[in-house]
Structures are given as C-alpha cells and as structure tokens.
Amino acid sequence: SGLTDLLKTGFSMFMKVNRPHPGDHPLVIIFMVGGVSVSEVK
C-alpha cells in the first residue's frame, strides 16, 4: 500500500530487499472468517 511499499516489492525481484513485515506497522487488522470468541480476542 503506497508508493514506497510498491517500490520495495518491485525492487525485490532484482535486488535483495526485505519485504515489509506485518509487525512493522503500528496498526494490524486481523479478520477472522467464521467467528472469533471473546477469549481469543483477549
């Protein structure tokens, strides 16, 4: 998402560029298809 990430992904085909890690971002969104319990959210 965004130009910087797109360039990193594109250059990774030609050079050794680490892909962005999901933990790099200050906001992570997880969507559970089929349901989630309150204890799982905790």
Full PDB file with SEQRES, HELIX, SHEET, SSBOND, CRYST1, ORIGX, SCALE, CONECT and MASTER records, all heavy atoms in Angstrom:
SEQRES   1 A   42  SER GLY LEU THR ASP LEU LEU LYS THR GLY PHE SER MET          
SEQRES   2 A   42  PHE MET LYS VAL ASN ARG PRO HIS PRO GLY ASP HIS PRO          
SEQRES   3 A   42  LEU VAL ILE ILE PHE MET VAL GLY GLY VAL SER VAL SER          
SEQRES   4 A   42  GLU VAL LYS                                                  
HELIX    1 AA1 LEU A    3  PHE A   11  1                                   9    
HELIX    2 AA2 PRO A   22  ASP A   24  5                                   3    
HELIX    3 AA3 VAL A   38  VAL A   41  1                                   4    
CRYST1    1.000    1.000    1.000  90.00  90.00  90.00 P 1           1          
ORIGX1      1.000000  0.000000  0.000000        0.00000                         
ORIGX2      0.000000  1.000000  0.000000        0.00000                         
ORIGX3      0.000000  0.000000  1.000000        0.00000                         
SCALE1      1.000000  0.000000  0.000000        0.00000                         
SCALE2      0.000000  1.000000  0.000000        0.00000                         
SCALE3      0.000000  0.000000  1.000000        0.00000                         
ATOM      1  N   SER A   1       0.871  -1.174   0.000  1.00  0.00           N  
ATOM      2  CA  SER A   1       0.000   0.000   0.000  1.00  0.00           C  
ATOM      3  C   SER A   1       0.909   1.226   0.000  1.00  0.00           C  
ATOM      4  O   SER A   1       1.793   1.351   0.838  1.00  0.00           O  
ATOM      5  CB  SER A   1      -0.904  -0.002   1.225  1.00  0.00           C  
ATOM      6  OG  SER A   1      -0.143   0.115   2.400  1.00  0.00           O  
ATOM      7  N   GLY A   2       0.729   2.055  -0.938  1.00  0.00           N  
ATOM      8  CA  GLY A   2       1.565   3.240  -1.020  1.00  0.00           C  
ATOM      9  C   GLY A   2       2.731   3.023  -1.962  1.00  0.00           C  
ATOM     10  O   GLY A   2       3.126   1.900  -2.264  1.00  0.00           O  
ATOM     11  N   LEU A   3       3.313   4.112  -2.396  1.00  0.00           N  
ATOM     12  CA  LEU A   3       4.386   4.069  -3.383  1.00  0.00           C  
ATOM     13  C   LEU A   3       5.653   3.427  -2.834  1.00  0.00           C  
ATOM     14  O   LEU A   3       6.298   2.636  -3.522  1.00  0.00           O  
ATOM     15  CB  LEU A   3       4.682   5.492  -3.881  1.00  0.00           C  
ATOM     16  CG  LEU A   3       5.707   5.604  -5.001  1.00  0.00           C  
ATOM     17  CD1 LEU A   3       5.250   4.810  -6.219  1.00  0.00           C  
ATOM     18  CD2 LEU A   3       5.942   7.053  -5.361  1.00  0.00           C  
ATOM     19  N   THR A   4       6.013   3.728  -1.582  1.00  0.00           N  
ATOM     20  CA  THR A   4       7.244   3.175  -1.006  1.00  0.00           C  
ATOM     21  C   THR A   4       7.195   1.659  -0.951  1.00  0.00           C  
ATOM     22  O   THR A   4       8.140   0.976  -1.349  1.00  0.00           O  
ATOM     23  CB  THR A   4       7.473   3.741   0.409  1.00  0.00           C  
ATOM     24  OG1 THR A   4       7.451   5.166   0.330  1.00  0.00           O  
ATOM     25  CG2 THR A   4       8.793   3.284   0.978  1.00  0.00           C  
ATOM     26  N   ASP A   5       6.077   1.104  -0.426  1.00  0.00           N  
ATOM     27  CA  ASP A   5       5.945  -0.347  -0.346  1.00  0.00           C  
ATOM     28  C   ASP A   5       5.925  -0.979  -1.733  1.00  0.00           C  
ATOM     29  O   ASP A   5       6.483  -2.050  -1.947  1.00  0.00           O  
ATOM     30  CB  ASP A   5       4.671  -0.739   0.412  1.00  0.00           C  
ATOM     31  CG  ASP A   5       4.801  -0.525   1.908  1.00  0.00           C  
ATOM     32  OD1 ASP A   5       5.940  -0.355   2.385  1.00  0.00           O  
ATOM     33  OD2 ASP A   5       3.760  -0.527   2.590  1.00  0.00           O  
ATOM     34  N   LEU A   6       5.284  -0.321  -2.676  1.00  0.00           N  
ATOM     35  CA  LEU A   6       5.219  -0.849  -4.033  1.00  0.00           C  
ATOM     36  C   LEU A   6       6.615  -0.899  -4.659  1.00  0.00           C  
ATOM     37  O   LEU A   6       6.974  -1.878  -5.309  1.00  0.00           O  
ATOM     38  CB  LEU A   6       4.284   0.006  -4.885  1.00  0.00           C  
ATOM     39  CG  LEU A   6       3.956  -0.511  -6.272  1.00  0.00           C  
ATOM     40  CD1 LEU A   6       3.316  -1.889  -6.190  1.00  0.00           C  
ATOM     41  CD2 LEU A   6       3.045   0.447  -6.995  1.00  0.00           C  
ATOM     42  N   LEU A   7       7.424   0.136  -4.440  1.00  0.00           N  
ATOM     43  CA  LEU A   7       8.782   0.143  -4.967  1.00  0.00           C  
ATOM     44  C   LEU A   7       9.637  -0.939  -4.323  1.00  0.00           C  
ATOM     45  O   LEU A   7      10.409  -1.614  -5.001  1.00  0.00           O  
ATOM     46  CB  LEU A   7       9.430   1.511  -4.768  1.00  0.00           C  
ATOM     47  CG  LEU A   7       8.887   2.628  -5.669  1.00  0.00           C  
ATOM     48  CD1 LEU A   7       9.475   3.971  -5.271  1.00  0.00           C  
ATOM     49  CD2 LEU A   7       9.166   2.322  -7.125  1.00  0.00           C  
ATOM     50  N   LYS A   8       9.507  -1.127  -2.986  1.00  0.00           N  
ATOM     51  CA  LYS A   8      10.262  -2.181  -2.304  1.00  0.00           C  
ATOM     52  C   LYS A   8       9.907  -3.546  -2.873  1.00  0.00           C  
ATOM     53  O   LYS A   8      10.776  -4.378  -3.117  1.00  0.00           O  
ATOM     54  CB  LYS A   8       9.966  -2.174  -0.798  1.00  0.00           C  
ATOM     55  CG  LYS A   8      10.678  -1.115  -0.026  1.00  0.00           C  
ATOM     56  CD  LYS A   8      10.355  -1.279   1.446  1.00  0.00           C  
ATOM     57  CE  LYS A   8      10.963  -0.195   2.285  1.00  0.00           C  
ATOM     58  NZ  LYS A   8      10.591  -0.331   3.694  1.00  0.00           N  
ATOM     59  N   THR A   9       8.613  -3.785  -3.080  1.00  0.00           N  
ATOM     60  CA  THR A   9       8.174  -5.061  -3.621  1.00  0.00           C  
ATOM     61  C   THR A   9       8.697  -5.251  -5.035  1.00  0.00           C  
ATOM     62  O   THR A   9       9.162  -6.324  -5.399  1.00  0.00           O  
ATOM     63  CB  THR A   9       6.635  -5.153  -3.614  1.00  0.00           C  
ATOM     64  OG1 THR A   9       6.167  -4.896  -2.294  1.00  0.00           O  
ATOM     65  CG2 THR A   9       6.148  -6.505  -4.056  1.00  0.00           C  
ATOM     66  N   GLY A  10       8.671  -4.203  -5.858  1.00  0.00           N  
ATOM     67  CA  GLY A  10       9.163  -4.302  -7.226  1.00  0.00           C  
ATOM     68  C   GLY A  10      10.654  -4.528  -7.306  1.00  0.00           C  
ATOM     69  O   GLY A  10      11.136  -5.348  -8.082  1.00  0.00           O  
ATOM     70  N   PHE A  11      11.428  -3.816  -6.467  1.00  0.00           N  
ATOM     71  CA  PHE A  11      12.880  -3.979  -6.474  1.00  0.00           C  
ATOM     72  C   PHE A  11      13.311  -5.320  -5.902  1.00  0.00           C  
ATOM     73  O   PHE A  11      14.410  -5.789  -6.176  1.00  0.00           O  
ATOM     74  CB  PHE A  11      13.566  -2.850  -5.703  1.00  0.00           C  
ATOM     75  CG  PHE A  11      13.657  -1.573  -6.486  1.00  0.00           C  
ATOM     76  CD1 PHE A  11      13.094  -0.413  -5.991  1.00  0.00           C  
ATOM     77  CD2 PHE A  11      14.300  -1.532  -7.710  1.00  0.00           C  
ATOM     78  CE1 PHE A  11      13.167   0.768  -6.707  1.00  0.00           C  
ATOM     79  CE2 PHE A  11      14.384  -0.365  -8.435  1.00  0.00           C  
ATOM     80  CZ  PHE A  11      13.805   0.797  -7.932  1.00  0.00           C  
ATOM     81  N   SER A  12      12.456  -5.950  -5.106  1.00  0.00           N  
ATOM     82  CA  SER A  12      12.840  -7.228  -4.506  1.00  0.00           C  
ATOM     83  C   SER A  12      13.017  -8.312  -5.566  1.00  0.00           C  
ATOM     84  O   SER A  12      13.669  -9.316  -5.319  1.00  0.00           O  
ATOM     85  CB  SER A  12      11.804  -7.673  -3.471  1.00  0.00           C  
ATOM     86  OG  SER A  12      10.580  -7.993  -4.102  1.00  0.00           O  
ATOM     87  N   MET A  13      12.489  -8.098  -6.774  1.00  0.00           N  
ATOM     88  CA  MET A  13      12.684  -9.072  -7.848  1.00  0.00           C  
ATOM     89  C   MET A  13      14.119  -9.022  -8.372  1.00  0.00           C  
ATOM     90  O   MET A  13      14.642 -10.008  -8.840  1.00  0.00           O  
ATOM     91  CB  MET A  13      11.710  -8.800  -8.996  1.00  0.00           C  
ATOM     92  CG  MET A  13      10.281  -9.156  -8.662  1.00  0.00           C  
ATOM     93  SD  MET A  13       9.219  -8.999 -10.101  1.00  0.00           S  
ATOM     94  CE  MET A  13       8.641  -7.326  -9.898  1.00  0.00           C  
ATOM     95  N   PHE A  14      14.751  -7.849  -8.283  1.00  0.00           N  
ATOM     96  CA  PHE A  14      16.086  -7.668  -8.842  1.00  0.00           C  
ATOM     97  C   PHE A  14      17.182  -7.631  -7.791  1.00  0.00           C  
ATOM     98  O   PHE A  14      18.321  -7.980  -8.060  1.00  0.00           O  
ATOM     99  CB  PHE A  14      16.143  -6.366  -9.653  1.00  0.00           C  
ATOM    100  CG  PHE A  14      15.076  -6.284 -10.696  1.00  0.00           C  
ATOM    101  CD1 PHE A  14      14.011  -5.415 -10.551  1.00  0.00           C  
ATOM    102  CD2 PHE A  14      15.119  -7.093 -11.824  1.00  0.00           C  
ATOM    103  CE1 PHE A  14      13.026  -5.335 -11.521  1.00  0.00           C  
ATOM    104  CE2 PHE A  14      14.137  -7.017 -12.794  1.00  0.00           C  
ATOM    105  CZ  PHE A  14      13.091  -6.144 -12.643  1.00  0.00           C  
ATOM    106  N   MET A  15      16.859  -7.178  -6.602  1.00  0.00           N  
ATOM    107  CA  MET A  15      17.855  -6.999  -5.542  1.00  0.00           C  
ATOM    108  C   MET A  15      17.367  -7.678  -4.264  1.00  0.00           C  
ATOM    109  O   MET A  15      16.201  -8.008  -4.136  1.00  0.00           O  
ATOM    110  CB  MET A  15      18.066  -5.495  -5.267  1.00  0.00           C  
ATOM    111  CG  MET A  15      18.491  -4.713  -6.484  1.00  0.00           C  
ATOM    112  SD  MET A  15      18.348  -2.929  -6.285  1.00  0.00           S  
ATOM    113  CE  MET A  15      18.982  -2.607  -4.696  1.00  0.00           C  
ATOM    114  N   LYS A  16      18.282  -7.848  -3.345  1.00  0.00           N  
ATOM    115  CA  LYS A  16      17.925  -8.443  -2.056  1.00  0.00           C  
ATOM    116  C   LYS A  16      17.322  -7.339  -1.175  1.00  0.00           C  
ATOM    117  O   LYS A  16      18.021  -6.611  -0.479  1.00  0.00           O  
ATOM    118  CB  LYS A  16      19.157  -9.063  -1.391  1.00  0.00           C  
ATOM    119  CG  LYS A  16      18.900  -9.662  -0.038  1.00  0.00           C  
ATOM    120  CD  LYS A  16      17.940 -10.824  -0.127  1.00  0.00           C  
ATOM    121  CE  LYS A  16      17.743 -11.417   1.251  1.00  0.00           C  
ATOM    122  NZ  LYS A  16      16.484 -12.048   1.414  1.00  0.00           N  
ATOM    123  N   VAL A  17      16.019  -7.182  -1.259  1.00  0.00           N  
ATOM    124  CA  VAL A  17      15.304  -6.197  -0.451  1.00  0.00           C  
ATOM    125  C   VAL A  17      14.320  -6.971   0.419  1.00  0.00           C  
ATOM    126  O   VAL A  17      13.545  -7.789  -0.085  1.00  0.00           O  
ATOM    127  CB  VAL A  17      14.540  -5.199  -1.357  1.00  0.00           C  
ATOM    128  CG1 VAL A  17      13.719  -4.240  -0.529  1.00  0.00           C  
ATOM    129  CG2 VAL A  17      15.504  -4.454  -2.248  1.00  0.00           C  
ATOM    130  N   ASN A  18      14.388  -6.727   1.709  1.00  0.00           N  
ATOM    131  CA  ASN A  18      13.454  -7.406   2.605  1.00  0.00           C  
ATOM    132  C   ASN A  18      12.047  -6.876   2.391  1.00  0.00           C  
ATOM    133  O   ASN A  18      11.830  -5.665   2.317  1.00  0.00           O  
ATOM    134  CB  ASN A  18      13.856  -7.185   4.071  1.00  0.00           C  
ATOM    135  CG  ASN A  18      15.108  -7.948   4.412  1.00  0.00           C  
ATOM    136  OD1 ASN A  18      15.465  -8.911   3.745  1.00  0.00           O  
ATOM    137  ND2 ASN A  18      15.780  -7.510   5.463  1.00  0.00           N  
ATOM    138  N   ARG A  19      11.134  -7.815   2.295  1.00  0.00           N  
ATOM    139  CA  ARG A  19       9.737  -7.411   2.190  1.00  0.00           C  
ATOM    140  C   ARG A  19       9.303  -6.821   3.525  1.00  0.00           C  
ATOM    141  O   ARG A  19       9.823  -7.195   4.575  1.00  0.00           O  
ATOM    142  CB  ARG A  19       8.852  -8.614   1.872  1.00  0.00           C  
ATOM    143  CG  ARG A  19       9.093  -9.198   0.511  1.00  0.00           C  
ATOM    144  CD  ARG A  19       8.156 -10.337   0.222  1.00  0.00           C  
ATOM    145  NE  ARG A  19       8.239 -11.335   1.301  1.00  0.00           N  
ATOM    146  CZ  ARG A  19       7.358 -12.282   1.503  1.00  0.00           C  
ATOM    147  NH1 ARG A  19       6.301 -12.371   0.751  1.00  0.00           N  
ATOM    148  NH2 ARG A  19       7.499 -13.152   2.470  1.00  0.00           N  
ATOM    149  N   PRO A  20       8.342  -5.924   3.515  1.00  0.00           N  
ATOM    150  CA  PRO A  20       7.851  -5.383   4.781  1.00  0.00           C  
ATOM    151  C   PRO A  20       7.259  -6.508   5.638  1.00  0.00           C  
ATOM    152  O   PRO A  20       6.658  -7.449   5.122  1.00  0.00           O  
ATOM    153  CB  PRO A  20       6.772  -4.399   4.355  1.00  0.00           C  
ATOM    154  CG  PRO A  20       7.067  -4.086   2.932  1.00  0.00           C  
ATOM    155  CD  PRO A  20       7.711  -5.307   2.358  1.00  0.00           C  
ATOM    156  N   HIS A  21       7.470  -6.416   6.928  1.00  0.00           N  
ATOM    157  CA  HIS A  21       6.954  -7.401   7.879  1.00  0.00           C  
ATOM    158  C   HIS A  21       5.659  -6.837   8.471  1.00  0.00           C  
ATOM    159  O   HIS A  21       5.577  -5.631   8.737  1.00  0.00           O  
ATOM    160  CB  HIS A  21       7.994  -7.644   8.978  1.00  0.00           C  
ATOM    161  CG  HIS A  21       7.684  -8.810   9.835  1.00  0.00           C  
ATOM    162  ND1 HIS A  21       6.810  -8.738  10.888  1.00  0.00           N  
ATOM    163  CD2 HIS A  21       8.125 -10.084   9.802  1.00  0.00           C  
ATOM    164  CE1 HIS A  21       6.731  -9.918  11.474  1.00  0.00           C  
ATOM    165  NE2 HIS A  21       7.517 -10.746  10.827  1.00  0.00           N  
ATOM    166  N   PRO A  22       4.632  -7.665   8.679  1.00  0.00           N  
ATOM    167  CA  PRO A  22       3.380  -7.146   9.243  1.00  0.00           C  
ATOM    168  C   PRO A  22       3.570  -6.450  10.589  1.00  0.00           C  
ATOM    169  O   PRO A  22       2.845  -5.529  10.921  1.00  0.00           O  
ATOM    170  CB  PRO A  22       2.508  -8.388   9.406  1.00  0.00           C  
ATOM    171  CG  PRO A  22       3.081  -9.398   8.495  1.00  0.00           C  
ATOM    172  CD  PRO A  22       4.532  -9.091   8.368  1.00  0.00           C  
ATOM    173  N   GLY A  23       4.571  -6.868  11.351  1.00  0.00           N  
ATOM    174  CA  GLY A  23       4.824  -6.256  12.646  1.00  0.00           C  
ATOM    175  C   GLY A  23       5.470  -4.888  12.561  1.00  0.00           C  
ATOM    176  O   GLY A  23       5.636  -4.213  13.584  1.00  0.00           O  
ATOM    177  N   ASP A  24       5.861  -4.442  11.351  1.00  0.00           N  
ATOM    178  CA  ASP A  24       6.480  -3.130  11.183  1.00  0.00           C  
ATOM    179  C   ASP A  24       5.476  -1.997  11.354  1.00  0.00           C  
ATOM    180  O   ASP A  24       5.855  -0.862  11.601  1.00  0.00           O  
ATOM    181  CB  ASP A  24       7.098  -2.996   9.784  1.00  0.00           C  
ATOM    182  CG  ASP A  24       8.307  -3.894   9.600  1.00  0.00           C  
ATOM    183  OD1 ASP A  24       8.874  -4.342  10.618  1.00  0.00           O  
ATOM    184  OD2 ASP A  24       8.673  -4.151   8.445  1.00  0.00           O  
ATOM    185  N   HIS A  25       4.244  -2.288  11.193  1.00  0.00           N  
ATOM    186  CA  HIS A  25       3.227  -1.249  11.179  1.00  0.00           C  
ATOM    187  C   HIS A  25       2.619  -1.050  12.570  1.00  0.00           C  
ATOM    188  O   HIS A  25       2.479  -2.001  13.326  1.00  0.00           O  
ATOM    189  CB  HIS A  25       2.128  -1.607  10.172  1.00  0.00           C  
ATOM    190  CG  HIS A  25       2.671  -1.789   8.786  1.00  0.00           C  
ATOM    191  ND1 HIS A  25       2.981  -0.732   7.985  1.00  0.00           N  
ATOM    192  CD2 HIS A  25       3.005  -2.900   8.096  1.00  0.00           C  
ATOM    193  CE1 HIS A  25       3.466  -1.183   6.837  1.00  0.00           C  
ATOM    194  NE2 HIS A  25       3.494  -2.499   6.875  1.00  0.00           N  
ATOM    195  N   PRO A  26       2.241   0.181  12.890  1.00  0.00           N  
ATOM    196  CA  PRO A  26       1.661   0.453  14.209  1.00  0.00           C  
ATOM    197  C   PRO A  26       0.213  -0.028  14.337  1.00  0.00           C  
ATOM    198  O   PRO A  26      -0.324  -0.088  15.429  1.00  0.00           O  
ATOM    199  CB  PRO A  26       1.741   1.970  14.329  1.00  0.00           C  
ATOM    200  CG  PRO A  26       1.759   2.470  12.930  1.00  0.00           C  
ATOM    201  CD  PRO A  26       2.442   1.409  12.110  1.00  0.00           C  
ATOM    202  N   LEU A  27      -0.407  -0.387  13.208  1.00  0.00           N  
ATOM    203  CA  LEU A  27      -1.780  -0.870  13.220  1.00  0.00           C  
ATOM    204  C   LEU A  27      -1.859  -2.169  12.429  1.00  0.00           C  
ATOM    205  O   LEU A  27      -1.460  -2.224  11.271  1.00  0.00           O  
ATOM    206  CB  LEU A  27      -2.732   0.157  12.594  1.00  0.00           C  
ATOM    207  CG  LEU A  27      -4.178  -0.282  12.407  1.00  0.00           C  
ATOM    208  CD1 LEU A  27      -4.849  -0.533  13.753  1.00  0.00           C  
ATOM    209  CD2 LEU A  27      -4.952   0.758  11.613  1.00  0.00           C  
ATOM    210  N   VAL A  28      -2.358  -3.225  13.063  1.00  0.00           N  
ATOM    211  CA  VAL A  28      -2.546  -4.519  12.406  1.00  0.00           C  
ATOM    212  C   VAL A  28      -4.023  -4.868  12.492  1.00  0.00           C  
ATOM    213  O   VAL A  28      -4.620  -4.807  13.570  1.00  0.00           O  
ATOM    214  CB  VAL A  28      -1.700  -5.621  13.086  1.00  0.00           C  
ATOM    215  CG1 VAL A  28      -1.966  -6.973  12.450  1.00  0.00           C  
ATOM    216  CG2 VAL A  28      -0.220  -5.278  13.014  1.00  0.00           C  
ATOM    217  N   ILE A  29      -4.611  -5.209  11.356  1.00  0.00           N  
ATOM    218  CA  ILE A  29      -6.020  -5.596  11.312  1.00  0.00           C  
ATOM    219  C   ILE A  29      -6.100  -7.069  10.970  1.00  0.00           C  
ATOM    220  O   ILE A  29      -5.548  -7.517   9.967  1.00  0.00           O  
ATOM    221  CB  ILE A  29      -6.800  -4.755  10.275  1.00  0.00           C  
ATOM    222  CG1 ILE A  29      -6.713  -3.271  10.632  1.00  0.00           C  
ATOM    223  CG2 ILE A  29      -8.244  -5.228  10.190  1.00  0.00           C  
ATOM    224  CD1 ILE A  29      -7.289  -2.347   9.589  1.00  0.00           C  
ATOM    225  N   ILE A  30      -6.794  -7.830  11.825  1.00  0.00           N  
ATOM    226  CA  ILE A  30      -6.980  -9.270  11.612  1.00  0.00           C  
ATOM    227  C   ILE A  30      -8.474  -9.511  11.457  1.00  0.00           C  
ATOM    228  O   ILE A  30      -9.267  -9.112  12.308  1.00  0.00           O  
ATOM    229  CB  ILE A  30      -6.441 -10.083  12.810  1.00  0.00           C  
ATOM    230  CG1 ILE A  30      -4.945  -9.852  12.979  1.00  0.00           C  
ATOM    231  CG2 ILE A  30      -6.747 -11.561  12.625  1.00  0.00           C  
ATOM    232  CD1 ILE A  30      -4.370 -10.464  14.248  1.00  0.00           C  
ATOM    233  N   PHE A  31      -8.847 -10.173  10.357  1.00  0.00           N  
ATOM    234  CA  PHE A  31     -10.250 -10.528  10.137  1.00  0.00           C  
ATOM    235  C   PHE A  31     -10.379 -12.045  10.162  1.00  0.00           C  
ATOM    236  O   PHE A  31      -9.729 -12.739   9.387  1.00  0.00           O  
ATOM    237  CB  PHE A  31     -10.763  -9.992   8.790  1.00  0.00           C  
ATOM    238  CG  PHE A  31     -12.237 -10.210   8.618  1.00  0.00           C  
ATOM    239  CD1 PHE A  31     -13.138  -9.306   9.142  1.00  0.00           C  
ATOM    240  CD2 PHE A  31     -12.714 -11.337   7.978  1.00  0.00           C  
ATOM    241  CE1 PHE A  31     -14.503  -9.509   9.007  1.00  0.00           C  
ATOM    242  CE2 PHE A  31     -14.070 -11.554   7.838  1.00  0.00           C  
ATOM    243  CZ  PHE A  31     -14.977 -10.634   8.353  1.00  0.00           C  
ATOM    244  N   MET A  32     -11.201 -12.547  11.062  1.00  0.00           N  
ATOM    245  CA  MET A  32     -11.414 -13.990  11.218  1.00  0.00           C  
ATOM    246  C   MET A  32     -12.733 -14.375  10.563  1.00  0.00           C  
ATOM    247  O   MET A  32     -13.800 -14.010  11.065  1.00  0.00           O  
ATOM    248  CB  MET A  32     -11.439 -14.382  12.697  1.00  0.00           C  
ATOM    249  CG  MET A  32     -10.129 -14.176  13.420  1.00  0.00           C  
ATOM    250  SD  MET A  32      -8.826 -15.254  12.852  1.00  0.00           S  
ATOM    251  CE  MET A  32      -9.422 -16.835  13.377  1.00  0.00           C  
ATOM    252  N   VAL A  33     -12.646 -15.107   9.471  1.00  0.00           N  
ATOM    253  CA  VAL A  33     -13.845 -15.610   8.811  1.00  0.00           C  
ATOM    254  C   VAL A  33     -14.334 -16.810   9.610  1.00  0.00           C  
ATOM    255  O   VAL A  33     -13.548 -17.687   9.960  1.00  0.00           O  
ATOM    256  CB  VAL A  33     -13.536 -16.025   7.351  1.00  0.00           C  
ATOM    257  CG1 VAL A  33     -14.748 -16.669   6.701  1.00  0.00           C  
ATOM    258  CG2 VAL A  33     -13.059 -14.834   6.548  1.00  0.00           C  
ATOM    259  N   GLY A  34     -15.601 -16.842   9.922  1.00  0.00           N  
ATOM    260  CA  GLY A  34     -16.168 -17.973  10.647  1.00  0.00           C  
ATOM    261  C   GLY A  34     -16.366 -17.716  12.119  1.00  0.00           C  
ATOM    262  O   GLY A  34     -17.022 -18.477  12.799  1.00  0.00           O  
ATOM    263  N   GLY A  35     -15.806 -16.648  12.630  1.00  0.00           N  
ATOM    264  CA  GLY A  35     -16.063 -16.293  14.014  1.00  0.00           C  
ATOM    265  C   GLY A  35     -14.839 -16.275  14.890  1.00  0.00           C  
ATOM    266  O   GLY A  35     -13.830 -16.906  14.601  1.00  0.00           O  
ATOM    267  N   VAL A  36     -14.951 -15.519  15.962  1.00  0.00           N  
ATOM    268  CA  VAL A  36     -13.905 -15.402  16.965  1.00  0.00           C  
ATOM    269  C   VAL A  36     -14.594 -15.311  18.324  1.00  0.00           C  
ATOM    270  O   VAL A  36     -15.685 -14.767  18.439  1.00  0.00           O  
ATOM    271  CB  VAL A  36     -13.003 -14.172  16.685  1.00  0.00           C  
ATOM    272  CG1 VAL A  36     -13.739 -12.870  16.855  1.00  0.00           C  
ATOM    273  CG2 VAL A  36     -11.773 -14.190  17.550  1.00  0.00           C  
ATOM    274  N   SER A  37     -13.948 -15.892  19.326  1.00  0.00           N  
ATOM    275  CA  SER A  37     -14.524 -15.847  20.671  1.00  0.00           C  
ATOM    276  C   SER A  37     -13.919 -14.696  21.465  1.00  0.00           C  
ATOM    277  O   SER A  37     -12.853 -14.172  21.111  1.00  0.00           O  
ATOM    278  CB  SER A  37     -14.292 -17.171  21.402  1.00  0.00           C  
ATOM    279  OG  SER A  37     -12.919 -17.329  21.670  1.00  0.00           O  
ATOM    280  N   VAL A  38     -14.575 -14.329  22.550  1.00  0.00           N  
ATOM    281  CA  VAL A  38     -14.084 -13.256  23.402  1.00  0.00           C  
ATOM    282  C   VAL A  38     -12.719 -13.639  23.987  1.00  0.00           C  
ATOM    283  O   VAL A  38     -11.816 -12.805  24.078  1.00  0.00           O  
ATOM    284  CB  VAL A  38     -15.102 -12.949  24.521  1.00  0.00           C  
ATOM    285  CG1 VAL A  38     -14.543 -11.954  25.527  1.00  0.00           C  
ATOM    286  CG2 VAL A  38     -16.398 -12.425  23.930  1.00  0.00           C  
ATOM    287  N   SER A  39     -12.543 -14.905  24.353  1.00  0.00           N  
ATOM    288  CA  SER A  39     -11.265 -15.337  24.926  1.00  0.00           C  
ATOM    289  C   SER A  39     -10.137 -15.240  23.899  1.00  0.00           C  
ATOM    290  O   SER A  39      -8.998 -14.936  24.256  1.00  0.00           O  
ATOM    291  CB  SER A  39     -11.369 -16.761  25.478  1.00  0.00           C  
ATOM    292  OG  SER A  39     -11.672 -17.676  24.459  1.00  0.00           O  
ATOM    293  N   GLU A  40     -10.432 -15.469  22.615  1.00  0.00           N  
ATOM    294  CA  GLU A  40      -9.410 -15.321  21.578  1.00  0.00           C  
ATOM    295  C   GLU A  40      -9.009 -13.858  21.406  1.00  0.00           C  
ATOM    296  O   GLU A  40      -7.833 -13.544  21.239  1.00  0.00           O  
ATOM    297  CB  GLU A  40      -9.902 -15.889  20.251  1.00  0.00           C  
ATOM    298  CG  GLU A  40      -9.993 -17.389  20.223  1.00  0.00           C  
ATOM    299  CD  GLU A  40     -10.613 -17.914  18.944  1.00  0.00           C  
ATOM    300  OE1 GLU A  40     -11.654 -17.382  18.510  1.00  0.00           O  
ATOM    301  OE2 GLU A  40     -10.028 -18.854  18.376  1.00  0.00           O  
ATOM    302  N   VAL A  41      -9.969 -12.960  21.484  1.00  0.00           N  
ATOM    303  CA  VAL A  41      -9.670 -11.530  21.363  1.00  0.00           C  
ATOM    304  C   VAL A  41      -8.817 -11.086  22.552  1.00  0.00           C  
ATOM    305  O   VAL A  41      -7.846 -10.347  22.390  1.00  0.00           O  
ATOM    306  CB  VAL A  41     -10.968 -10.700  21.276  1.00  0.00           C  
ATOM    307  CG1 VAL A  41     -10.673  -9.212  21.317  1.00  0.00           C  
ATOM    308  CG2 VAL A  41     -11.732 -11.041  20.002  1.00  0.00           C  
ATOM    309  N   LYS A  42      -9.131 -11.562  23.753  1.00  0.00           N  
ATOM    310  CA  LYS A  42      -8.328 -11.226  24.939  1.00  0.00           C  
ATOM    311  C   LYS A  42      -6.908 -11.786  24.802  1.00  0.00           C  
ATOM    312  O   LYS A  42      -5.935 -11.121  25.153  1.00  0.00           O  
ATOM    313  CB  LYS A  42      -8.971 -11.756  26.207  1.00  0.00           C  
ATOM    314  CG  LYS A  42      -8.163 -11.394  27.451  1.00  0.00           C  
ATOM    315  CD  LYS A  42      -8.851 -11.764  28.716  1.00  0.00           C  
ATOM    316  CE  LYS A  42      -8.084 -11.444  29.974  1.00  0.00           C  
ATOM    317  NZ  LYS A  42      -6.767 -10.957  29.898  1.00  0.00           N  
TER     318      LYS A  42                                                      
MASTER        0    0    0    3    0    0    0    6  317    1    0    4          
END                                                                             
